[in-house]
N, C-alpha and C. Protein backbone atom coordinates (compact mmCIF):
# COMPACT_ATOMS: atom_id res chain seq x y z
N MET A 1 -3.44 -32.47 5.90
CA MET A 1 -3.25 -31.54 4.84
C MET A 1 -1.88 -30.88 4.95
N GLU A 2 -1.26 -30.66 3.85
CA GLU A 2 0.07 -30.10 3.80
C GLU A 2 0.02 -28.57 3.89
N ASN A 3 0.87 -27.98 4.72
CA ASN A 3 0.92 -26.53 4.87
C ASN A 3 2.02 -25.98 3.97
N ARG A 4 1.66 -25.68 2.74
CA ARG A 4 2.64 -25.20 1.77
C ARG A 4 2.65 -23.68 1.71
N GLN A 5 3.82 -23.11 1.47
CA GLN A 5 3.93 -21.68 1.24
C GLN A 5 3.55 -21.42 -0.21
N PRO A 6 2.81 -20.33 -0.47
CA PRO A 6 2.46 -20.03 -1.84
C PRO A 6 3.70 -19.67 -2.65
N GLU A 7 3.58 -19.81 -3.97
CA GLU A 7 4.68 -19.44 -4.86
C GLU A 7 4.95 -17.95 -4.72
N ARG A 8 6.18 -17.57 -4.98
CA ARG A 8 6.54 -16.15 -4.93
C ARG A 8 5.66 -15.38 -5.91
N GLY A 9 5.09 -14.28 -5.45
CA GLY A 9 4.22 -13.49 -6.30
C GLY A 9 2.77 -13.97 -6.27
N ARG A 10 2.50 -15.05 -5.59
CA ARG A 10 1.15 -15.61 -5.53
C ARG A 10 0.59 -15.60 -4.12
N ARG A 11 1.14 -14.78 -3.25
CA ARG A 11 0.72 -14.74 -1.85
C ARG A 11 -0.41 -13.74 -1.69
N SER A 12 -1.38 -14.09 -0.91
CA SER A 12 -2.50 -13.17 -0.67
C SER A 12 -2.13 -12.19 0.44
N VAL A 13 -2.85 -11.08 0.50
CA VAL A 13 -2.61 -10.05 1.50
C VAL A 13 -2.97 -10.59 2.88
N ASP A 14 -2.11 -10.33 3.85
CA ASP A 14 -2.32 -10.81 5.22
C ASP A 14 -3.18 -9.79 5.98
N ILE A 15 -4.48 -9.94 5.88
CA ILE A 15 -5.42 -9.02 6.51
C ILE A 15 -5.30 -9.08 8.04
N ARG A 16 -5.00 -10.26 8.58
CA ARG A 16 -4.85 -10.38 10.04
C ARG A 16 -3.72 -9.52 10.56
N LEU A 17 -2.63 -9.45 9.82
CA LEU A 17 -1.49 -8.63 10.24
C LEU A 17 -1.87 -7.15 10.22
N ILE A 18 -2.60 -6.72 9.21
CA ILE A 18 -3.07 -5.33 9.15
C ILE A 18 -3.97 -5.05 10.35
N ALA A 19 -4.87 -5.97 10.64
CA ALA A 19 -5.80 -5.79 11.77
C ALA A 19 -5.05 -5.72 13.10
N GLN A 20 -4.02 -6.54 13.26
CA GLN A 20 -3.24 -6.53 14.50
C GLN A 20 -2.51 -5.20 14.70
N GLN A 21 -2.09 -4.58 13.63
CA GLN A 21 -1.30 -3.35 13.70
C GLN A 21 -2.12 -2.10 13.40
N ARG A 22 -3.45 -2.23 13.33
CA ARG A 22 -4.29 -1.13 12.86
C ARG A 22 -4.17 0.13 13.70
N GLU A 23 -3.98 -0.02 15.01
CA GLU A 23 -3.85 1.17 15.88
C GLU A 23 -2.62 1.98 15.49
N ARG A 24 -1.48 1.31 15.41
CA ARG A 24 -0.23 2.01 15.09
C ARG A 24 -0.23 2.53 13.66
N ILE A 25 -0.75 1.72 12.73
CA ILE A 25 -0.82 2.15 11.33
C ILE A 25 -1.72 3.38 11.22
N GLY A 26 -2.87 3.32 11.88
CA GLY A 26 -3.80 4.45 11.87
C GLY A 26 -3.19 5.71 12.44
N GLN A 27 -2.43 5.57 13.53
CA GLN A 27 -1.78 6.72 14.13
C GLN A 27 -0.77 7.35 13.17
N LEU A 28 0.01 6.50 12.51
CA LEU A 28 1.01 7.01 11.58
C LEU A 28 0.35 7.77 10.44
N TRP A 29 -0.62 7.15 9.79
CA TRP A 29 -1.23 7.77 8.61
C TRP A 29 -2.15 8.92 8.96
N ALA A 30 -2.68 8.96 10.18
CA ALA A 30 -3.52 10.09 10.59
C ALA A 30 -2.70 11.35 10.83
N THR A 31 -1.42 11.20 11.13
CA THR A 31 -0.59 12.38 11.37
C THR A 31 -0.32 13.16 10.09
N LEU A 32 -0.39 12.50 8.94
CA LEU A 32 -0.05 13.17 7.68
C LEU A 32 -1.06 14.25 7.29
N PRO A 33 -2.37 13.92 7.13
CA PRO A 33 -3.30 14.99 6.75
C PRO A 33 -3.51 16.02 7.86
N ALA A 34 -3.29 15.61 9.09
CA ALA A 34 -3.46 16.54 10.22
C ALA A 34 -2.32 17.54 10.28
N GLY A 35 -1.24 17.29 9.55
CA GLY A 35 -0.11 18.20 9.52
C GLY A 35 0.87 18.03 10.67
N HIS A 36 0.69 16.99 11.47
CA HIS A 36 1.61 16.75 12.59
C HIS A 36 2.95 16.20 12.11
N ALA A 37 2.94 15.58 10.96
CA ALA A 37 4.17 15.06 10.36
C ALA A 37 4.03 15.14 8.86
N SER A 38 5.17 15.24 8.18
CA SER A 38 5.13 15.25 6.72
C SER A 38 5.49 13.85 6.22
N ALA A 39 5.07 13.56 5.02
CA ALA A 39 5.40 12.26 4.44
C ALA A 39 6.91 12.12 4.29
N SER A 40 7.58 13.21 3.99
CA SER A 40 9.03 13.15 3.82
C SER A 40 9.73 12.83 5.14
N ALA A 41 9.09 13.09 6.27
CA ALA A 41 9.67 12.74 7.57
C ALA A 41 9.21 11.35 8.03
N ALA A 42 7.96 11.00 7.74
CA ALA A 42 7.39 9.74 8.24
C ALA A 42 7.91 8.53 7.47
N LEU A 43 8.03 8.64 6.16
CA LEU A 43 8.42 7.47 5.37
C LEU A 43 9.86 7.01 5.62
N PRO A 44 10.84 7.91 5.75
CA PRO A 44 12.18 7.42 6.10
C PRO A 44 12.20 6.74 7.47
N ARG A 45 11.40 7.25 8.39
CA ARG A 45 11.32 6.61 9.71
C ARG A 45 10.79 5.19 9.58
N LEU A 46 9.75 5.03 8.76
CA LEU A 46 9.17 3.71 8.53
C LEU A 46 10.18 2.81 7.82
N ASP A 47 10.96 3.38 6.94
CA ASP A 47 11.94 2.62 6.17
C ASP A 47 13.06 2.07 7.06
N ARG A 48 13.31 2.69 8.21
CA ARG A 48 14.36 2.21 9.12
C ARG A 48 13.99 0.91 9.82
N PHE A 49 12.70 0.60 9.89
CA PHE A 49 12.29 -0.66 10.52
C PHE A 49 12.70 -1.83 9.65
N GLN A 50 13.02 -2.94 10.27
CA GLN A 50 13.24 -4.18 9.54
C GLN A 50 11.87 -4.69 9.09
N CYS A 51 11.79 -5.29 7.93
CA CYS A 51 10.48 -5.77 7.49
C CYS A 51 10.04 -7.02 8.25
N SER A 52 10.91 -7.54 9.10
CA SER A 52 10.45 -8.59 10.00
C SER A 52 9.67 -7.96 11.16
N ASN A 53 9.79 -6.65 11.33
CA ASN A 53 9.03 -5.91 12.32
C ASN A 53 7.56 -5.94 11.91
N ARG A 54 6.67 -6.26 12.83
CA ARG A 54 5.26 -6.45 12.50
C ARG A 54 4.60 -5.15 12.04
N PHE A 55 5.04 -4.02 12.57
CA PHE A 55 4.50 -2.72 12.15
C PHE A 55 4.87 -2.44 10.70
N CYS A 56 6.11 -2.65 10.36
CA CYS A 56 6.57 -2.46 8.98
C CYS A 56 5.85 -3.42 8.04
N ALA A 57 5.76 -4.68 8.45
CA ALA A 57 5.09 -5.68 7.62
C ALA A 57 3.60 -5.35 7.46
N GLY A 58 2.97 -4.84 8.51
CA GLY A 58 1.56 -4.45 8.41
C GLY A 58 1.36 -3.32 7.42
N ASN A 59 2.27 -2.34 7.42
CA ASN A 59 2.19 -1.25 6.46
C ASN A 59 2.41 -1.75 5.04
N ARG A 60 3.34 -2.68 4.87
CA ARG A 60 3.59 -3.27 3.55
C ARG A 60 2.34 -3.99 3.05
N GLU A 61 1.71 -4.76 3.93
CA GLU A 61 0.50 -5.49 3.54
C GLU A 61 -0.64 -4.53 3.21
N LEU A 62 -0.76 -3.44 3.98
CA LEU A 62 -1.79 -2.45 3.68
C LEU A 62 -1.55 -1.84 2.30
N GLY A 63 -0.29 -1.54 1.99
CA GLY A 63 0.05 -1.02 0.67
C GLY A 63 -0.30 -2.00 -0.44
N ARG A 64 -0.04 -3.28 -0.20
CA ARG A 64 -0.40 -4.30 -1.20
C ARG A 64 -1.90 -4.36 -1.41
N ALA A 65 -2.67 -4.25 -0.31
CA ALA A 65 -4.13 -4.29 -0.42
C ALA A 65 -4.65 -3.07 -1.19
N MET A 66 -4.07 -1.91 -0.90
CA MET A 66 -4.50 -0.69 -1.59
C MET A 66 -4.16 -0.75 -3.07
N LYS A 67 -2.98 -1.26 -3.38
CA LYS A 67 -2.56 -1.39 -4.78
C LYS A 67 -3.47 -2.36 -5.52
N THR A 68 -3.83 -3.45 -4.88
CA THR A 68 -4.73 -4.42 -5.49
C THR A 68 -6.09 -3.80 -5.77
N GLY A 69 -6.60 -3.03 -4.80
CA GLY A 69 -7.89 -2.36 -4.99
C GLY A 69 -7.85 -1.38 -6.15
N LEU A 70 -6.78 -0.61 -6.24
CA LEU A 70 -6.65 0.35 -7.34
C LEU A 70 -6.56 -0.37 -8.68
N LEU A 71 -5.82 -1.46 -8.73
CA LEU A 71 -5.69 -2.22 -9.97
C LEU A 71 -7.03 -2.81 -10.41
N LEU A 72 -7.79 -3.35 -9.46
CA LEU A 72 -9.11 -3.89 -9.79
C LEU A 72 -10.05 -2.79 -10.29
N ARG A 73 -9.97 -1.63 -9.65
CA ARG A 73 -10.79 -0.49 -10.08
C ARG A 73 -10.40 -0.05 -11.49
N TYR A 74 -9.10 0.01 -11.76
CA TYR A 74 -8.59 0.40 -13.07
C TYR A 74 -9.09 -0.56 -14.15
N MET A 75 -9.08 -1.86 -13.84
CA MET A 75 -9.50 -2.85 -14.82
C MET A 75 -11.01 -2.81 -15.07
N SER A 76 -11.79 -2.40 -14.08
CA SER A 76 -13.24 -2.46 -14.22
C SER A 76 -13.88 -1.14 -14.66
N GLU A 77 -13.12 -0.04 -14.66
CA GLU A 77 -13.70 1.26 -15.01
C GLU A 77 -13.03 1.85 -16.25
N PRO A 78 -13.71 1.79 -17.40
CA PRO A 78 -13.11 2.35 -18.62
C PRO A 78 -12.81 3.85 -18.51
N GLN A 79 -13.63 4.60 -17.77
CA GLN A 79 -13.38 6.04 -17.63
C GLN A 79 -12.07 6.30 -16.89
N LEU A 80 -11.79 5.50 -15.89
CA LEU A 80 -10.55 5.66 -15.14
C LEU A 80 -9.35 5.33 -16.03
N ARG A 81 -9.47 4.26 -16.81
CA ARG A 81 -8.37 3.91 -17.73
C ARG A 81 -8.10 5.04 -18.71
N ALA A 82 -9.17 5.63 -19.24
CA ALA A 82 -9.00 6.72 -20.20
C ALA A 82 -8.34 7.93 -19.53
N ARG A 83 -8.74 8.25 -18.32
CA ARG A 83 -8.17 9.38 -17.60
C ARG A 83 -6.68 9.16 -17.31
N VAL A 84 -6.33 7.93 -16.94
CA VAL A 84 -4.92 7.62 -16.65
C VAL A 84 -4.11 7.70 -17.94
N ARG A 85 -4.65 7.19 -19.03
CA ARG A 85 -3.93 7.25 -20.30
C ARG A 85 -3.71 8.69 -20.75
N ARG A 86 -4.74 9.53 -20.60
CA ARG A 86 -4.59 10.94 -20.97
C ARG A 86 -3.48 11.59 -20.15
N GLY A 87 -3.46 11.29 -18.85
CA GLY A 87 -2.42 11.85 -17.99
C GLY A 87 -1.04 11.36 -18.39
N ALA A 88 -0.91 10.09 -18.74
CA ALA A 88 0.37 9.53 -19.15
C ALA A 88 0.82 10.16 -20.46
N CYS A 89 -0.10 10.39 -21.38
CA CYS A 89 0.26 11.03 -22.66
C CYS A 89 0.77 12.44 -22.43
N LEU A 90 0.17 13.15 -21.49
CA LEU A 90 0.62 14.51 -21.19
C LEU A 90 2.04 14.50 -20.63
N LEU A 91 2.36 13.50 -19.83
CA LEU A 91 3.70 13.41 -19.27
C LEU A 91 4.75 13.19 -20.34
N PHE A 92 4.42 12.35 -21.33
CA PHE A 92 5.39 12.02 -22.35
C PHE A 92 5.52 13.12 -23.40
N ARG A 93 4.57 14.01 -23.51
CA ARG A 93 4.67 15.14 -24.45
C ARG A 93 5.66 16.18 -23.98
N ALA A 94 5.81 16.31 -22.68
CA ALA A 94 6.67 17.38 -22.13
C ALA A 94 8.14 17.14 -22.41
């Protein structure tokens, strides 16, 4: 069987990478609600990593998974779509 790379934009989320980095990812994101670090301090630090870095790549994959979940929820829940539209309309009125 041929080991082909998926087309750009057609790659699935690498759950194994998230699982491998879960300790470090969990530590980073747990500091935010606990007040030990602010997002404005943590995100630039994360941005300094090369995305070839497994920790950075794990965070990117986690973000992709979360975005996918939100998009699926948005598509399946009419009440959520209506709430988002109302909020968007309020933004454009200002």
